């Protein structure tokens, strides 16, 4: 039985495509997971910054009120 080289070439090409796609999917999944954790960390920092800005705004308002008297 003789195997046609064209069929072998197509099979190898398909096999390489599947391996490359799987590898690429793994890299993208890892990046998405990493980005998700960074987004959660940024949300926590954003809450802290917002709280500090609110405190600062209240302080400036109280100073402005005292200066207006």
N, C-alpha and C. Protein backbone atom coordinates (compact mmCIF):
# COMPACT_ATOMS: atom_id res chain seq x y z
N UNK A 1 0.84 -1.17 0.00
CA UNK A 1 0.00 0.00 0.00
C UNK A 1 0.90 1.25 0.00
N UNK A 2 0.67 2.11 -0.95
CA UNK A 2 1.47 3.32 -1.10
C UNK A 2 0.67 4.50 -0.57
N UNK A 3 1.33 5.31 0.30
CA UNK A 3 0.69 6.50 0.86
C UNK A 3 1.09 7.70 0.02
N UNK A 4 0.10 8.43 -0.41
CA UNK A 4 0.33 9.60 -1.25
C UNK A 4 1.00 10.70 -0.42
N UNK A 5 2.12 11.27 -0.89
CA UNK A 5 2.80 12.34 -0.13
C UNK A 5 1.94 13.58 0.06
N UNK A 6 1.04 13.83 -0.85
CA UNK A 6 0.14 14.98 -0.72
C UNK A 6 -0.78 14.84 0.47
N UNK A 7 -1.29 13.62 0.69
CA UNK A 7 -2.17 13.37 1.83
C UNK A 7 -1.39 13.50 3.13
N UNK A 8 -0.16 13.01 3.15
CA UNK A 8 0.68 13.13 4.34
C UNK A 8 0.96 14.60 4.64
N UNK A 9 1.24 15.37 3.59
CA UNK A 9 1.51 16.80 3.78
C UNK A 9 0.28 17.52 4.33
N UNK A 10 -0.89 17.18 3.84
CA UNK A 10 -2.13 17.80 4.34
C UNK A 10 -2.36 17.40 5.79
N UNK A 11 -2.14 16.12 6.12
CA UNK A 11 -2.32 15.65 7.48
C UNK A 11 -1.37 16.35 8.44
N UNK A 12 -0.10 16.48 8.04
CA UNK A 12 0.89 17.16 8.89
C UNK A 12 0.51 18.63 9.06
N UNK A 13 0.05 19.28 7.99
CA UNK A 13 -0.37 20.68 8.07
C UNK A 13 -1.55 20.86 9.02
N UNK A 14 -2.52 19.97 8.93
CA UNK A 14 -3.68 20.04 9.82
C UNK A 14 -3.25 19.79 11.26
N UNK A 15 -2.38 18.82 11.47
CA UNK A 15 -1.89 18.52 12.81
C UNK A 15 -1.16 19.71 13.41
N UNK A 16 -0.29 20.35 12.63
CA UNK A 16 0.42 21.53 13.11
C UNK A 16 -0.54 22.68 13.40
N UNK A 17 -1.58 22.82 12.59
CA UNK A 17 -2.58 23.88 12.82
C UNK A 17 -3.31 23.66 14.13
N UNK A 18 -3.67 22.42 14.40
CA UNK A 18 -4.38 22.10 15.65
C UNK A 18 -3.49 22.37 16.85
N UNK A 19 -2.22 21.96 16.77
CA UNK A 19 -1.29 22.19 17.88
C UNK A 19 -1.06 23.68 18.09
N UNK A 20 -0.88 24.43 17.02
CA UNK A 20 -0.66 25.88 17.13
C UNK A 20 -1.88 26.58 17.69
N UNK A 21 -3.06 26.17 17.27
CA UNK A 21 -4.30 26.78 17.78
C UNK A 21 -4.46 26.49 19.27
N UNK A 22 -4.18 25.26 19.68
CA UNK A 22 -4.28 24.91 21.10
C UNK A 22 -3.28 25.70 21.93
N UNK A 23 -2.08 25.83 21.44
CA UNK A 23 -1.05 26.59 22.15
C UNK A 23 -1.45 28.06 22.26
N UNK A 24 -1.94 28.63 21.17
CA UNK A 24 -2.39 30.03 21.18
C UNK A 24 -3.56 30.24 22.12
N UNK A 25 -4.49 29.29 22.15
CA UNK A 25 -5.64 29.39 23.05
C UNK A 25 -5.18 29.37 24.50
N UNK A 26 -4.20 28.53 24.80
CA UNK A 26 -3.68 28.47 26.16
C UNK A 26 -3.03 29.77 26.57
N UNK A 27 -2.29 30.39 25.67
CA UNK A 27 -1.65 31.68 25.97
C UNK A 27 -2.71 32.74 26.21
N UNK A 28 -3.73 32.79 25.36
CA UNK A 28 -4.78 33.80 25.52
C UNK A 28 -5.56 33.58 26.81
N UNK A 29 -5.84 32.34 27.16
CA UNK A 29 -6.56 32.04 28.40
C UNK A 29 -5.76 32.51 29.61
N UNK A 30 -4.46 32.29 29.57
CA UNK A 30 -3.59 32.72 30.66
C UNK A 30 -3.58 34.24 30.77
N UNK A 31 -3.54 34.93 29.65
CA UNK A 31 -3.55 36.40 29.68
C UNK A 31 -4.87 36.93 30.22
N UNK A 32 -5.97 36.32 29.82
CA UNK A 32 -7.28 36.76 30.30
C UNK A 32 -7.37 36.58 31.81
N UNK A 33 -6.88 35.46 32.30
CA UNK A 33 -6.89 35.20 33.74
C UNK A 33 -6.04 36.23 34.48
N UNK A 34 -4.88 36.52 33.93
CA UNK A 34 -3.98 37.50 34.54
C UNK A 34 -4.62 38.89 34.53
N UNK A 35 -5.22 39.24 33.39
CA UNK A 35 -5.86 40.56 33.29
C UNK A 35 -7.04 40.68 34.23
N UNK A 36 -7.78 39.61 34.43
CA UNK A 36 -8.92 39.64 35.35
C UNK A 36 -8.47 39.94 36.77
N UNK A 37 -7.39 39.32 37.20
CA UNK A 37 -6.92 39.58 38.56
C UNK A 37 -6.40 41.01 38.69
N UNK A 38 -5.76 41.52 37.63
CA UNK A 38 -5.28 42.91 37.66
C UNK A 38 -6.44 43.90 37.69
N UNK A 39 -7.51 43.59 36.98
CA UNK A 39 -8.70 44.45 36.97
C UNK A 39 -9.32 44.49 38.36
N UNK A 40 -9.42 43.35 39.04
CA UNK A 40 -9.97 43.32 40.39
C UNK A 40 -9.10 44.15 41.34
N UNK A 41 -7.79 44.04 41.20
CA UNK A 41 -6.88 44.83 42.03
C UNK A 41 -7.06 46.33 41.77
N UNK A 42 -7.23 46.69 40.51
CA UNK A 42 -7.43 48.10 40.16
C UNK A 42 -8.75 48.62 40.71
N UNK A 43 -9.79 47.79 40.74
CA UNK A 43 -11.07 48.20 41.29
C UNK A 43 -10.93 48.50 42.79
N UNK A 44 -10.17 47.66 43.49
CA UNK A 44 -9.96 47.90 44.92
C UNK A 44 -9.19 49.20 45.14
N UNK A 45 -8.17 49.42 44.33
CA UNK A 45 -7.40 50.66 44.45
C UNK A 45 -8.26 51.87 44.11
N UNK A 46 -9.15 51.71 43.13
CA UNK A 46 -10.03 52.81 42.74
C UNK A 46 -10.95 53.19 43.89
N UNK A 47 -11.45 52.19 44.61
CA UNK A 47 -12.31 52.48 45.77
C UNK A 47 -11.53 53.24 46.84
N UNK A 48 -10.28 52.84 47.08
CA UNK A 48 -9.45 53.54 48.07
C UNK A 48 -9.19 54.98 47.65
N UNK A 49 -8.88 55.18 46.38
CA UNK A 49 -8.61 56.52 45.87
C UNK A 49 -9.86 57.39 45.97
N UNK A 50 -11.02 56.82 45.62
CA UNK A 50 -12.28 57.56 45.70
C UNK A 50 -12.57 57.97 47.14
N UNK A 51 -12.34 57.07 48.08
CA UNK A 51 -12.57 57.39 49.49
C UNK A 51 -11.64 58.52 49.95
N UNK A 52 -10.38 58.45 49.56
CA UNK A 52 -9.44 59.50 49.95
C UNK A 52 -9.80 60.84 49.31
N UNK A 53 -10.26 60.80 48.06
CA UNK A 53 -10.69 62.04 47.41
C UNK A 53 -11.91 62.63 48.09
N UNK A 54 -12.83 61.78 48.52
CA UNK A 54 -14.00 62.27 49.25
C UNK A 54 -13.59 62.92 50.57
N UNK A 55 -12.66 62.28 51.27
CA UNK A 55 -12.16 62.87 52.52
C UNK A 55 -11.50 64.23 52.26
N UNK A 56 -10.73 64.29 51.20
CA UNK A 56 -10.06 65.54 50.85
C UNK A 56 -11.07 66.63 50.47
N UNK A 57 -12.12 66.23 49.74
CA UNK A 57 -13.16 67.18 49.36
C UNK A 57 -13.87 67.73 50.60
N UNK A 58 -14.17 66.86 51.56
CA UNK A 58 -14.82 67.31 52.79
C UNK A 58 -13.91 68.24 53.58
N UNK A 59 -12.62 67.95 53.60
CA UNK A 59 -11.67 68.82 54.29
C UNK A 59 -11.61 70.20 53.64
N UNK A 60 -11.56 70.23 52.32
CA UNK A 60 -11.51 71.52 51.60
C UNK A 60 -12.80 72.29 51.82
N UNK A 61 -13.94 71.60 51.84
CA UNK A 61 -15.21 72.28 52.09
C UNK A 61 -15.24 72.87 53.49
N UNK A 62 -14.74 72.14 54.48
CA UNK A 62 -14.76 72.67 55.84
C UNK A 62 -13.81 73.86 55.96
N UNK A 63 -12.67 73.82 55.29
CA UNK A 63 -11.74 74.96 55.30
C UNK A 63 -12.39 76.16 54.62
N UNK A 64 -13.06 75.93 53.50
CA UNK A 64 -13.72 77.02 52.78
C UNK A 64 -14.83 77.61 53.63
N UNK A 65 -15.55 76.79 54.35
CA UNK A 65 -16.62 77.28 55.21
C UNK A 65 -16.05 78.14 56.34
N UNK A 66 -14.96 77.73 56.92
CA UNK A 66 -14.33 78.51 58.00
C UNK A 66 -13.77 79.82 57.48
N UNK A 67 -13.24 79.80 56.26
CA UNK A 67 -12.69 81.04 55.70
C UNK A 67 -13.79 82.03 55.31
N UNK A 68 -14.96 81.53 54.96
CA UNK A 68 -16.07 82.40 54.57
C UNK A 68 -16.68 83.11 55.76
N UNK A 69 -16.50 82.59 56.96
CA UNK A 69 -17.10 83.20 58.16
C UNK A 69 -16.43 84.47 58.53
